[in-house]
Each structure stands twice: as structure tokens, then as C-alpha cells.
N, C-alpha and C. Protein backbone atom coordinates (compact mmCIF):
# COMPACT_ATOMS: atom_id res chain seq x y z
N MET A 1 12.60 9.91 23.86
CA MET A 1 11.17 9.87 23.62
C MET A 1 10.94 9.77 22.11
N PHE A 2 9.94 8.99 21.75
CA PHE A 2 9.63 8.75 20.34
C PHE A 2 8.21 9.20 20.02
N ARG A 3 8.00 9.58 18.77
CA ARG A 3 6.66 9.93 18.29
C ARG A 3 6.26 8.95 17.21
N TYR A 4 5.02 8.50 17.29
CA TYR A 4 4.46 7.55 16.34
C TYR A 4 3.44 8.29 15.49
N LEU A 5 3.64 8.24 14.17
CA LEU A 5 2.79 8.97 13.24
C LEU A 5 2.27 8.05 12.14
N PRO A 6 0.99 8.17 11.83
CA PRO A 6 0.46 7.39 10.71
C PRO A 6 0.87 8.01 9.38
N PHE A 7 0.99 7.18 8.36
CA PHE A 7 1.21 7.70 7.01
C PHE A 7 0.41 6.85 6.03
N GLN A 8 -0.03 7.48 4.95
CA GLN A 8 -0.81 6.79 3.93
C GLN A 8 0.09 6.42 2.77
N GLU A 9 -0.20 5.27 2.19
CA GLU A 9 0.57 4.83 1.03
C GLU A 9 -0.35 4.05 0.09
N THR A 10 0.04 3.97 -1.15
CA THR A 10 -0.67 3.18 -2.14
C THR A 10 0.24 2.03 -2.54
N LEU A 11 -0.27 0.82 -2.39
CA LEU A 11 0.51 -0.37 -2.71
C LEU A 11 -0.19 -1.19 -3.78
N PHE A 12 0.49 -2.20 -4.29
CA PHE A 12 -0.06 -3.03 -5.36
C PHE A 12 0.28 -4.49 -5.09
N THR A 13 -0.70 -5.36 -5.27
CA THR A 13 -0.45 -6.80 -5.26
C THR A 13 -1.09 -7.40 -6.50
N ASN A 14 -0.56 -8.51 -6.94
CA ASN A 14 -1.13 -9.17 -8.11
C ASN A 14 -2.56 -9.63 -7.85
N ASP A 15 -2.85 -10.05 -6.63
CA ASP A 15 -4.18 -10.54 -6.29
C ASP A 15 -5.21 -9.42 -6.16
N SER A 16 -4.83 -8.34 -5.48
CA SER A 16 -5.79 -7.27 -5.16
C SER A 16 -5.67 -6.05 -6.06
N GLY A 17 -4.58 -5.92 -6.76
CA GLY A 17 -4.35 -4.71 -7.54
C GLY A 17 -3.88 -3.58 -6.63
N GLU A 18 -4.19 -2.36 -6.99
CA GLU A 18 -3.77 -1.20 -6.24
C GLU A 18 -4.72 -0.96 -5.06
N TYR A 19 -4.14 -0.64 -3.90
CA TYR A 19 -4.98 -0.35 -2.74
C TYR A 19 -4.30 0.68 -1.85
N SER A 20 -5.12 1.38 -1.08
CA SER A 20 -4.64 2.39 -0.16
C SER A 20 -4.58 1.80 1.24
N THR A 21 -3.51 2.09 1.95
CA THR A 21 -3.32 1.55 3.29
C THR A 21 -2.54 2.55 4.13
N PHE A 22 -2.41 2.26 5.42
CA PHE A 22 -1.72 3.15 6.34
C PHE A 22 -0.63 2.41 7.09
N GLY A 23 0.47 3.09 7.30
CA GLY A 23 1.59 2.56 8.05
C GLY A 23 1.90 3.47 9.21
N ILE A 24 2.98 3.14 9.93
CA ILE A 24 3.40 3.93 11.09
C ILE A 24 4.88 4.28 10.96
N LYS A 25 5.17 5.57 11.13
CA LYS A 25 6.55 6.05 11.20
C LYS A 25 6.88 6.38 12.65
N VAL A 26 8.11 6.11 13.03
CA VAL A 26 8.59 6.44 14.38
C VAL A 26 9.70 7.46 14.24
N LEU A 27 9.53 8.59 14.93
CA LEU A 27 10.52 9.65 14.92
C LEU A 27 11.15 9.78 16.30
N ASP A 28 12.45 10.08 16.32
CA ASP A 28 13.11 10.31 17.60
C ASP A 28 12.93 11.76 18.01
N SER A 29 13.55 12.16 19.10
CA SER A 29 13.37 13.51 19.65
C SER A 29 13.90 14.61 18.72
N GLU A 30 14.74 14.23 17.76
CA GLU A 30 15.26 15.20 16.79
C GLU A 30 14.55 15.11 15.45
N ASN A 31 13.41 14.43 15.42
CA ASN A 31 12.57 14.23 14.23
C ASN A 31 13.25 13.40 13.14
N ASN A 32 14.19 12.55 13.54
CA ASN A 32 14.78 11.60 12.60
C ASN A 32 13.94 10.34 12.59
N GLU A 33 13.68 9.81 11.41
CA GLU A 33 12.92 8.58 11.31
C GLU A 33 13.80 7.41 11.74
N VAL A 34 13.33 6.67 12.74
CA VAL A 34 14.11 5.54 13.24
C VAL A 34 13.49 4.21 12.83
N LEU A 35 12.23 4.23 12.43
CA LEU A 35 11.54 3.01 12.04
C LEU A 35 10.32 3.36 11.23
N SER A 36 10.00 2.51 10.27
CA SER A 36 8.78 2.67 9.48
C SER A 36 8.19 1.29 9.24
N VAL A 37 6.89 1.16 9.53
CA VAL A 37 6.19 -0.10 9.32
C VAL A 37 5.11 0.16 8.28
N SER A 38 5.23 -0.50 7.16
CA SER A 38 4.32 -0.32 6.05
C SER A 38 3.09 -1.22 6.17
N ASP A 39 1.97 -0.79 5.60
CA ASP A 39 0.77 -1.61 5.42
C ASP A 39 0.27 -2.23 6.72
N VAL A 40 0.06 -1.39 7.73
CA VAL A 40 -0.47 -1.89 9.00
C VAL A 40 -1.95 -2.21 8.85
N SER A 41 -2.71 -1.29 8.23
CA SER A 41 -4.15 -1.51 8.07
C SER A 41 -4.70 -0.50 7.06
N PRO A 42 -5.77 -0.87 6.35
CA PRO A 42 -6.43 0.10 5.47
C PRO A 42 -7.35 1.05 6.26
N ASP A 43 -7.51 0.81 7.54
CA ASP A 43 -8.40 1.59 8.40
C ASP A 43 -7.62 2.73 9.07
N LYS A 44 -7.83 3.93 8.58
CA LYS A 44 -7.09 5.10 9.08
C LYS A 44 -7.34 5.32 10.57
N ASP A 45 -8.58 5.22 11.00
CA ASP A 45 -8.90 5.45 12.41
C ASP A 45 -8.18 4.45 13.32
N PHE A 46 -8.10 3.21 12.88
CA PHE A 46 -7.40 2.18 13.64
C PHE A 46 -5.93 2.53 13.82
N VAL A 47 -5.27 2.92 12.73
CA VAL A 47 -3.84 3.24 12.79
C VAL A 47 -3.61 4.51 13.61
N CYS A 48 -4.48 5.49 13.47
CA CYS A 48 -4.34 6.71 14.28
C CYS A 48 -4.49 6.41 15.77
N ALA A 49 -5.46 5.55 16.13
CA ALA A 49 -5.65 5.17 17.53
C ALA A 49 -4.44 4.40 18.05
N LEU A 50 -3.90 3.54 17.22
CA LEU A 50 -2.71 2.78 17.61
C LEU A 50 -1.52 3.72 17.85
N CYS A 51 -1.32 4.67 16.97
CA CYS A 51 -0.24 5.66 17.15
C CYS A 51 -0.45 6.45 18.44
N SER A 52 -1.68 6.85 18.69
CA SER A 52 -1.99 7.61 19.90
C SER A 52 -1.65 6.80 21.15
N ASP A 53 -2.03 5.53 21.16
CA ASP A 53 -1.72 4.67 22.30
C ASP A 53 -0.22 4.51 22.49
N CYS A 54 0.50 4.34 21.38
CA CYS A 54 1.97 4.21 21.46
C CYS A 54 2.60 5.48 22.03
N ASN A 55 2.10 6.64 21.60
CA ASN A 55 2.63 7.91 22.10
C ASN A 55 2.31 8.09 23.59
N GLU A 56 1.07 7.79 23.98
CA GLU A 56 0.66 7.98 25.37
C GLU A 56 1.42 7.05 26.32
N ASN A 57 1.73 5.86 25.86
CA ASN A 57 2.41 4.88 26.71
C ASN A 57 3.93 4.88 26.56
N LEU A 58 4.46 5.86 25.82
CA LEU A 58 5.91 6.02 25.64
C LEU A 58 6.57 4.73 25.18
N LEU A 59 5.96 4.10 24.20
CA LEU A 59 6.44 2.82 23.68
C LEU A 59 7.84 2.95 23.07
N GLU A 60 8.69 2.01 23.38
CA GLU A 60 10.00 1.92 22.73
C GLU A 60 9.79 1.25 21.36
N PRO A 61 10.45 1.75 20.32
CA PRO A 61 10.25 1.21 18.97
C PRO A 61 10.48 -0.30 18.84
N VAL A 62 11.34 -0.85 19.66
CA VAL A 62 11.64 -2.28 19.58
C VAL A 62 10.38 -3.12 19.84
N HIS A 63 9.39 -2.56 20.50
CA HIS A 63 8.17 -3.28 20.83
C HIS A 63 7.03 -3.06 19.84
N LEU A 64 7.23 -2.22 18.84
CA LEU A 64 6.15 -1.85 17.93
C LEU A 64 5.56 -3.05 17.20
N ALA A 65 6.38 -3.93 16.68
CA ALA A 65 5.87 -5.09 15.94
C ALA A 65 4.96 -5.95 16.82
N ASP A 66 5.34 -6.15 18.08
CA ASP A 66 4.49 -6.93 18.99
C ASP A 66 3.18 -6.23 19.28
N VAL A 67 3.22 -4.92 19.45
CA VAL A 67 2.01 -4.16 19.72
C VAL A 67 1.06 -4.21 18.52
N ILE A 68 1.61 -4.07 17.33
CA ILE A 68 0.77 -4.17 16.12
C ILE A 68 0.12 -5.54 16.05
N GLU A 69 0.90 -6.57 16.29
CA GLU A 69 0.36 -7.93 16.25
C GLU A 69 -0.76 -8.10 17.29
N ASP A 70 -0.57 -7.57 18.48
CA ASP A 70 -1.59 -7.68 19.52
C ASP A 70 -2.86 -6.93 19.12
N TYR A 71 -2.73 -5.77 18.50
CA TYR A 71 -3.88 -4.99 18.07
C TYR A 71 -4.66 -5.68 16.96
N LEU A 72 -3.95 -6.36 16.08
CA LEU A 72 -4.62 -7.02 14.97
C LEU A 72 -5.26 -8.31 15.46
């Protein structure tokens, strides 16, 4: 079983400068990080809802990129 957690980060691009965004960390049953996806969205509520859906549906980490793409 895996847990999906949002995390906040500050990133920088030459075009936009510094900006705050949220990513998703995936932890295994022993709380080891097995995957991290950076810069999913600047919308905290969106990323939290996505993590909640992943947790409720027992998503396997291999499918996370597809789920993010479908949500966006």
C-alpha cells in the first residue's frame, strides 16, 4: 500500500522567475519515499484532491504520471 502526499517547493525559471508550486511524494508502507513528482500544479487544493483520490483508489505508483496527465 502506498501513500500520496503533497509537498510545496519553490522553483525558478528564466521566463517566470521564482514561483511556488506543489508536487506529490509517494511513500511505501514503511514510509520510504519511492517516487516524487515535482511541479504538478501551483494550486494546493488541486494537488491535495489528487493525492486524496490516489490514496482512496489504492493507486500503484507506476500509474501516477498517467493520472496526473488525465487530471490536467
